[in-house]
Amino acid sequence: MQRMESRSLGVAQGTAILFSDFDSGGPMWTGTGPRVVTHAVTFKDRFRSKPAVTVGIGMWDMASGANIRADISADNVTAEGFDIVFKTWGDTRIARIRADWMAIGETRSDDDWELY
């Protein structure tokens, strides 16, 4: 469990189109085997410390002729941002993915003083 000692909590959220490979013939649509896409997210406002981040698939467009395989996660989380990592494998064909995310953590308060 992540315990937060701040009286000021912040929630940041957003959405990102990770790729749209159908139109361009990109590897998620035409390739096979292990494939990975990484998308960097920078928070508009910096958190005081590393926040808790969740990522989910908000929209998917996948071919129906093969098994649907998908893994999505948040990686390299810092107070400034994180990476969304999307993976697939085998013969799965993915036209496009939209990821939705939320970060919750300590933020700076008007009562915080920096003397030095």
N, C-alpha and C. Protein backbone atom coordinates (compact mmCIF):
# COMPACT_ATOMS: atom_id res chain seq x y z
N MET A 1 0.84 -1.17 0.00
CA MET A 1 0.00 0.00 0.00
C MET A 1 0.89 1.24 0.00
N GLN A 2 0.53 2.19 -0.80
CA GLN A 2 1.24 3.46 -0.84
C GLN A 2 0.53 4.43 0.09
N ARG A 3 1.22 4.89 1.13
CA ARG A 3 0.63 5.84 2.08
C ARG A 3 1.07 7.25 1.69
N MET A 4 0.11 8.16 1.69
CA MET A 4 0.39 9.54 1.31
C MET A 4 0.17 10.42 2.53
N GLU A 5 1.18 11.21 2.89
CA GLU A 5 1.13 12.02 4.09
C GLU A 5 0.73 13.46 3.81
N SER A 6 0.40 13.77 2.62
CA SER A 6 0.09 15.14 2.25
C SER A 6 -1.40 15.44 2.49
N ARG A 7 -1.67 16.69 2.83
CA ARG A 7 -3.06 17.11 2.91
C ARG A 7 -3.58 17.46 1.53
N SER A 8 -2.68 17.46 0.57
CA SER A 8 -3.06 17.87 -0.78
C SER A 8 -2.81 16.72 -1.75
N LEU A 9 -3.89 16.09 -2.20
CA LEU A 9 -3.79 15.01 -3.17
C LEU A 9 -4.21 15.53 -4.53
N GLY A 10 -3.55 15.02 -5.54
CA GLY A 10 -3.88 15.41 -6.90
C GLY A 10 -4.26 14.20 -7.73
N VAL A 11 -5.14 14.42 -8.67
CA VAL A 11 -5.55 13.38 -9.62
C VAL A 11 -5.32 13.94 -11.02
N ALA A 12 -4.52 13.24 -11.79
CA ALA A 12 -4.30 13.59 -13.19
C ALA A 12 -4.85 12.44 -14.02
N GLN A 13 -5.45 12.76 -15.14
CA GLN A 13 -5.96 11.70 -16.01
C GLN A 13 -5.86 12.15 -17.45
N GLY A 14 -5.84 11.16 -18.33
CA GLY A 14 -5.74 11.49 -19.74
C GLY A 14 -6.01 10.30 -20.62
N THR A 15 -5.87 10.53 -21.89
CA THR A 15 -6.10 9.51 -22.90
C THR A 15 -5.05 9.68 -23.99
N ALA A 16 -4.68 8.60 -24.63
CA ALA A 16 -3.66 8.66 -25.68
C ALA A 16 -3.94 7.58 -26.72
N ILE A 17 -3.91 7.98 -27.98
CA ILE A 17 -3.93 6.99 -29.07
C ILE A 17 -2.51 6.47 -29.17
N LEU A 18 -2.31 5.19 -28.88
CA LEU A 18 -0.95 4.64 -28.88
C LEU A 18 -0.43 4.40 -30.29
N PHE A 19 -1.31 3.98 -31.18
CA PHE A 19 -0.95 3.79 -32.58
C PHE A 19 -2.21 3.59 -33.39
N SER A 20 -2.08 3.79 -34.69
CA SER A 20 -3.15 3.51 -35.65
C SER A 20 -2.47 2.88 -36.86
N ASP A 21 -2.25 1.57 -36.80
CA ASP A 21 -1.44 0.87 -37.80
C ASP A 21 -2.22 0.35 -39.00
N PHE A 22 -3.54 0.39 -38.96
CA PHE A 22 -4.33 -0.14 -40.08
C PHE A 22 -4.07 0.66 -41.36
N ASP A 23 -4.16 1.98 -41.27
CA ASP A 23 -3.98 2.84 -42.45
C ASP A 23 -2.55 2.83 -42.97
N SER A 24 -1.58 2.73 -42.05
CA SER A 24 -0.18 2.83 -42.45
C SER A 24 0.48 1.48 -42.72
N GLY A 25 -0.24 0.38 -42.43
CA GLY A 25 0.37 -0.94 -42.59
C GLY A 25 1.47 -1.20 -41.58
N GLY A 26 1.33 -0.61 -40.40
CA GLY A 26 2.35 -0.73 -39.35
C GLY A 26 2.43 -2.13 -38.76
N PRO A 27 3.44 -2.35 -37.92
CA PRO A 27 3.73 -3.69 -37.40
C PRO A 27 2.65 -4.30 -36.51
N MET A 28 1.88 -3.48 -35.82
CA MET A 28 0.82 -4.06 -34.98
C MET A 28 -0.29 -4.67 -35.84
N TRP A 29 -0.45 -4.17 -37.06
CA TRP A 29 -1.47 -4.68 -37.97
C TRP A 29 -0.92 -5.76 -38.89
N THR A 30 0.29 -5.61 -39.36
CA THR A 30 0.83 -6.54 -40.36
C THR A 30 1.83 -7.54 -39.80
N GLY A 31 2.38 -7.29 -38.62
CA GLY A 31 3.44 -8.13 -38.08
C GLY A 31 2.92 -9.34 -37.32
N THR A 32 3.86 -10.18 -36.91
CA THR A 32 3.57 -11.33 -36.05
C THR A 32 4.66 -11.40 -34.99
N GLY A 33 4.43 -12.26 -34.00
CA GLY A 33 5.40 -12.40 -32.92
C GLY A 33 5.30 -11.28 -31.92
N PRO A 34 6.30 -11.19 -31.03
CA PRO A 34 6.26 -10.15 -29.99
C PRO A 34 6.40 -8.75 -30.59
N ARG A 35 5.52 -7.84 -30.16
CA ARG A 35 5.56 -6.45 -30.59
C ARG A 35 5.26 -5.55 -29.40
N VAL A 36 5.94 -4.42 -29.33
CA VAL A 36 5.79 -3.50 -28.20
C VAL A 36 5.71 -2.06 -28.70
N VAL A 37 4.81 -1.29 -28.10
CA VAL A 37 4.73 0.15 -28.34
C VAL A 37 4.82 0.83 -26.98
N THR A 38 5.67 1.85 -26.89
CA THR A 38 5.81 2.64 -25.67
C THR A 38 5.44 4.09 -25.97
N HIS A 39 4.62 4.66 -25.08
CA HIS A 39 4.16 6.04 -25.25
C HIS A 39 4.46 6.81 -23.96
N ALA A 40 5.26 7.86 -24.05
CA ALA A 40 5.62 8.66 -22.87
C ALA A 40 4.51 9.64 -22.53
N VAL A 41 4.19 9.73 -21.24
CA VAL A 41 3.21 10.69 -20.72
C VAL A 41 3.93 11.61 -19.75
N THR A 42 3.76 12.91 -19.93
CA THR A 42 4.29 13.90 -19.00
C THR A 42 3.11 14.58 -18.31
N PHE A 43 3.13 14.58 -16.98
CA PHE A 43 2.05 15.23 -16.23
C PHE A 43 2.10 16.73 -16.45
N LYS A 44 0.94 17.35 -16.52
CA LYS A 44 0.87 18.81 -16.66
C LYS A 44 1.50 19.48 -15.45
N ASP A 45 1.19 18.98 -14.25
CA ASP A 45 1.78 19.47 -13.01
C ASP A 45 2.53 18.32 -12.35
N ARG A 46 3.69 18.62 -11.84
CA ARG A 46 4.53 17.61 -11.18
C ARG A 46 3.91 17.20 -9.85
N PHE A 47 3.94 15.90 -9.56
CA PHE A 47 3.54 15.41 -8.25
C PHE A 47 4.69 15.64 -7.27
N ARG A 48 4.39 15.60 -5.99
CA ARG A 48 5.41 15.76 -4.96
C ARG A 48 6.30 14.52 -4.87
N SER A 49 5.72 13.35 -5.11
CA SER A 49 6.44 12.08 -5.12
C SER A 49 5.80 11.19 -6.18
N LYS A 50 6.32 10.02 -6.34
CA LYS A 50 5.82 9.09 -7.35
C LYS A 50 4.36 8.74 -7.07
N PRO A 51 3.45 9.01 -8.01
CA PRO A 51 2.03 8.72 -7.80
C PRO A 51 1.70 7.25 -8.12
N ALA A 52 0.51 6.85 -7.73
CA ALA A 52 -0.02 5.56 -8.16
C ALA A 52 -0.68 5.77 -9.52
N VAL A 53 -0.35 4.93 -10.50
CA VAL A 53 -0.84 5.10 -11.86
C VAL A 53 -1.55 3.83 -12.32
N THR A 54 -2.72 4.00 -12.93
CA THR A 54 -3.42 2.89 -13.57
C THR A 54 -3.59 3.22 -15.05
N VAL A 55 -3.54 2.18 -15.87
CA VAL A 55 -3.71 2.32 -17.31
C VAL A 55 -4.67 1.24 -17.78
N GLY A 56 -5.57 1.60 -18.68
CA GLY A 56 -6.50 0.64 -19.26
C GLY A 56 -6.72 0.91 -20.73
N ILE A 57 -7.28 -0.05 -21.40
CA ILE A 57 -7.61 0.12 -22.81
C ILE A 57 -8.97 0.78 -22.89
N GLY A 58 -9.02 1.97 -23.48
CA GLY A 58 -10.27 2.71 -23.64
C GLY A 58 -10.98 2.36 -24.93
N MET A 59 -10.21 1.95 -25.94
CA MET A 59 -10.78 1.56 -27.23
C MET A 59 -9.80 0.62 -27.90
N TRP A 60 -10.34 -0.43 -28.49
CA TRP A 60 -9.49 -1.31 -29.30
C TRP A 60 -10.18 -1.63 -30.60
N ASP A 61 -9.38 -1.82 -31.62
CA ASP A 61 -9.85 -2.19 -32.94
C ASP A 61 -8.94 -3.32 -33.39
N MET A 62 -9.43 -4.56 -33.27
CA MET A 62 -8.61 -5.73 -33.53
C MET A 62 -9.28 -6.62 -34.57
N ALA A 63 -8.45 -7.31 -35.35
CA ALA A 63 -8.95 -8.26 -36.34
C ALA A 63 -9.56 -9.45 -35.61
N SER A 64 -10.58 -10.05 -36.22
CA SER A 64 -11.28 -11.14 -35.57
C SER A 64 -10.78 -12.53 -36.00
N GLY A 65 -9.84 -12.60 -36.92
CA GLY A 65 -9.39 -13.89 -37.44
C GLY A 65 -8.32 -14.59 -36.62
N ALA A 66 -7.91 -14.00 -35.51
CA ALA A 66 -6.86 -14.60 -34.67
C ALA A 66 -7.21 -14.35 -33.20
N ASN A 67 -6.45 -14.98 -32.32
CA ASN A 67 -6.64 -14.73 -30.90
C ASN A 67 -6.32 -13.28 -30.57
N ILE A 68 -7.07 -12.73 -29.64
CA ILE A 68 -6.84 -11.35 -29.20
C ILE A 68 -5.93 -11.40 -27.97
N ARG A 69 -4.71 -10.88 -28.14
CA ARG A 69 -3.72 -10.90 -27.07
C ARG A 69 -3.27 -9.46 -26.82
N ALA A 70 -3.35 -9.01 -25.57
CA ALA A 70 -2.95 -7.64 -25.26
C ALA A 70 -2.49 -7.55 -23.81
N ASP A 71 -1.46 -6.76 -23.60
CA ASP A 71 -0.94 -6.47 -22.27
C ASP A 71 -0.63 -4.98 -22.23
N ILE A 72 -1.21 -4.27 -21.27
CA ILE A 72 -0.97 -2.83 -21.15
C ILE A 72 -0.59 -2.52 -19.71
N SER A 73 0.41 -1.64 -19.54
CA SER A 73 0.88 -1.34 -18.20
C SER A 73 1.52 0.04 -18.16
N ALA A 74 1.73 0.52 -16.92
CA ALA A 74 2.49 1.76 -16.68
C ALA A 74 3.88 1.35 -16.23
N ASP A 75 4.90 1.98 -16.81
CA ASP A 75 6.29 1.66 -16.48
C ASP A 75 7.05 2.96 -16.26
N ASN A 76 8.15 2.89 -15.55
CA ASN A 76 9.03 4.05 -15.31
C ASN A 76 8.26 5.24 -14.73
N VAL A 77 7.43 4.98 -13.72
CA VAL A 77 6.63 6.05 -13.11
C VAL A 77 7.53 6.94 -12.25
N THR A 78 7.42 8.26 -12.47
CA THR A 78 8.12 9.25 -11.66
C THR A 78 7.12 10.35 -11.30
N ALA A 79 7.57 11.33 -10.54
CA ALA A 79 6.73 12.47 -10.18
C ALA A 79 6.39 13.32 -11.40
N GLU A 80 7.17 13.18 -12.48
CA GLU A 80 6.97 13.98 -13.69
C GLU A 80 6.15 13.28 -14.77
N GLY A 81 6.08 11.94 -14.75
CA GLY A 81 5.36 11.23 -15.79
C GLY A 81 5.61 9.73 -15.75
N PHE A 82 5.28 9.05 -16.83
CA PHE A 82 5.43 7.60 -16.91
C PHE A 82 5.35 7.17 -18.37
N ASP A 83 5.61 5.90 -18.61
CA ASP A 83 5.47 5.31 -19.95
C ASP A 83 4.29 4.34 -19.96
N ILE A 84 3.45 4.45 -20.98
CA ILE A 84 2.44 3.43 -21.24
C ILE A 84 3.10 2.40 -22.14
N VAL A 85 3.05 1.13 -21.74
CA VAL A 85 3.65 0.06 -22.52
C VAL A 85 2.55 -0.90 -22.96
N PHE A 86 2.42 -1.06 -24.28
CA PHE A 86 1.43 -1.98 -24.84
C PHE A 86 2.17 -3.09 -25.57
N LYS A 87 1.78 -4.35 -25.29
CA LYS A 87 2.44 -5.50 -25.92
C LYS A 87 1.39 -6.43 -26.52
N THR A 88 1.78 -7.08 -27.59
CA THR A 88 1.00 -8.17 -28.14
C THR A 88 1.98 -9.20 -28.70
N TRP A 89 1.46 -10.35 -29.13
CA TRP A 89 2.33 -11.42 -29.61
C TRP A 89 1.52 -12.36 -30.50
N GLY A 90 2.20 -13.35 -31.03
CA GLY A 90 1.53 -14.33 -31.89
C GLY A 90 1.04 -13.69 -33.17
N ASP A 91 -0.12 -14.16 -33.62
CA ASP A 91 -0.68 -13.66 -34.88
C ASP A 91 -1.75 -12.59 -34.68
N THR A 92 -1.84 -12.02 -33.47
CA THR A 92 -2.81 -10.97 -33.19
C THR A 92 -2.57 -9.77 -34.10
N ARG A 93 -3.66 -9.26 -34.66
CA ARG A 93 -3.58 -8.08 -35.54
C ARG A 93 -4.40 -6.96 -34.91
N ILE A 94 -3.73 -5.85 -34.64
CA ILE A 94 -4.36 -4.72 -33.96
C ILE A 94 -4.28 -3.49 -34.85
N ALA A 95 -5.44 -2.94 -35.18
CA ALA A 95 -5.49 -1.74 -36.03
C ALA A 95 -5.14 -0.50 -35.22
N ARG A 96 -5.75 -0.36 -34.03
CA ARG A 96 -5.45 0.81 -33.20
C ARG A 96 -5.87 0.54 -31.75
N ILE A 97 -5.23 1.30 -30.86
CA ILE A 97 -5.48 1.21 -29.42
C ILE A 97 -5.50 2.62 -28.84
N ARG A 98 -6.49 2.87 -27.99
CA ARG A 98 -6.50 4.09 -27.19
C ARG A 98 -6.37 3.68 -25.73
N ALA A 99 -5.45 4.31 -25.02
CA ALA A 99 -5.25 4.03 -23.60
C ALA A 99 -5.78 5.19 -22.78
N ASP A 100 -6.45 4.85 -21.67
CA ASP A 100 -6.91 5.84 -20.70
C ASP A 100 -6.11 5.61 -19.42
N TRP A 101 -5.70 6.67 -18.75
CA TRP A 101 -4.87 6.53 -17.57
C TRP A 101 -5.31 7.50 -16.46
N MET A 102 -4.91 7.16 -15.22
CA MET A 102 -5.17 8.01 -14.07
C MET A 102 -4.00 7.88 -13.11
N ALA A 103 -3.57 9.03 -12.58
CA ALA A 103 -2.50 9.07 -11.58
C ALA A 103 -3.03 9.79 -10.35
N ILE A 104 -2.76 9.22 -9.17
CA ILE A 104 -3.21 9.80 -7.91
C ILE A 104 -1.99 9.87 -6.98
N GLY A 105 -1.75 11.06 -6.43
CA GLY A 105 -0.59 11.19 -5.55
C GLY A 105 -0.54 12.52 -4.84
N GLU A 106 0.51 12.66 -4.03
CA GLU A 106 0.72 13.88 -3.27
C GLU A 106 1.09 15.03 -4.20
N THR A 107 0.52 16.18 -3.93
CA THR A 107 0.87 17.39 -4.67
C THR A 107 1.37 18.44 -3.70
N ARG A 108 1.96 19.46 -4.23
CA ARG A 108 2.43 20.56 -3.41
C ARG A 108 1.23 21.35 -2.89
N SER A 109 1.35 21.83 -1.70
CA SER A 109 0.30 22.61 -1.06
C SER A 109 0.76 24.06 -0.91
N ASP A 110 -0.18 24.97 -0.82
CA ASP A 110 0.16 26.38 -0.58
C ASP A 110 0.88 26.54 0.77
N ASP A 111 0.69 25.56 1.66
CA ASP A 111 1.33 25.61 2.98
C ASP A 111 2.77 25.09 2.97
N ASP A 112 3.21 24.51 1.86
CA ASP A 112 4.58 24.00 1.78
C ASP A 112 5.55 25.18 1.60
N TRP A 113 6.55 25.21 2.44
CA TRP A 113 7.56 26.25 2.36
C TRP A 113 8.89 25.64 1.99
N GLU A 114 9.61 26.33 1.13
CA GLU A 114 10.96 25.92 0.82
C GLU A 114 11.89 27.02 1.27
N LEU A 115 12.63 26.76 2.35
CA LEU A 115 13.50 27.78 2.94
C LEU A 115 14.84 27.85 2.23
N TYR A 116 15.34 26.73 1.75
CA TYR A 116 16.66 26.71 1.12
C TYR A 116 16.60 26.01 -0.18
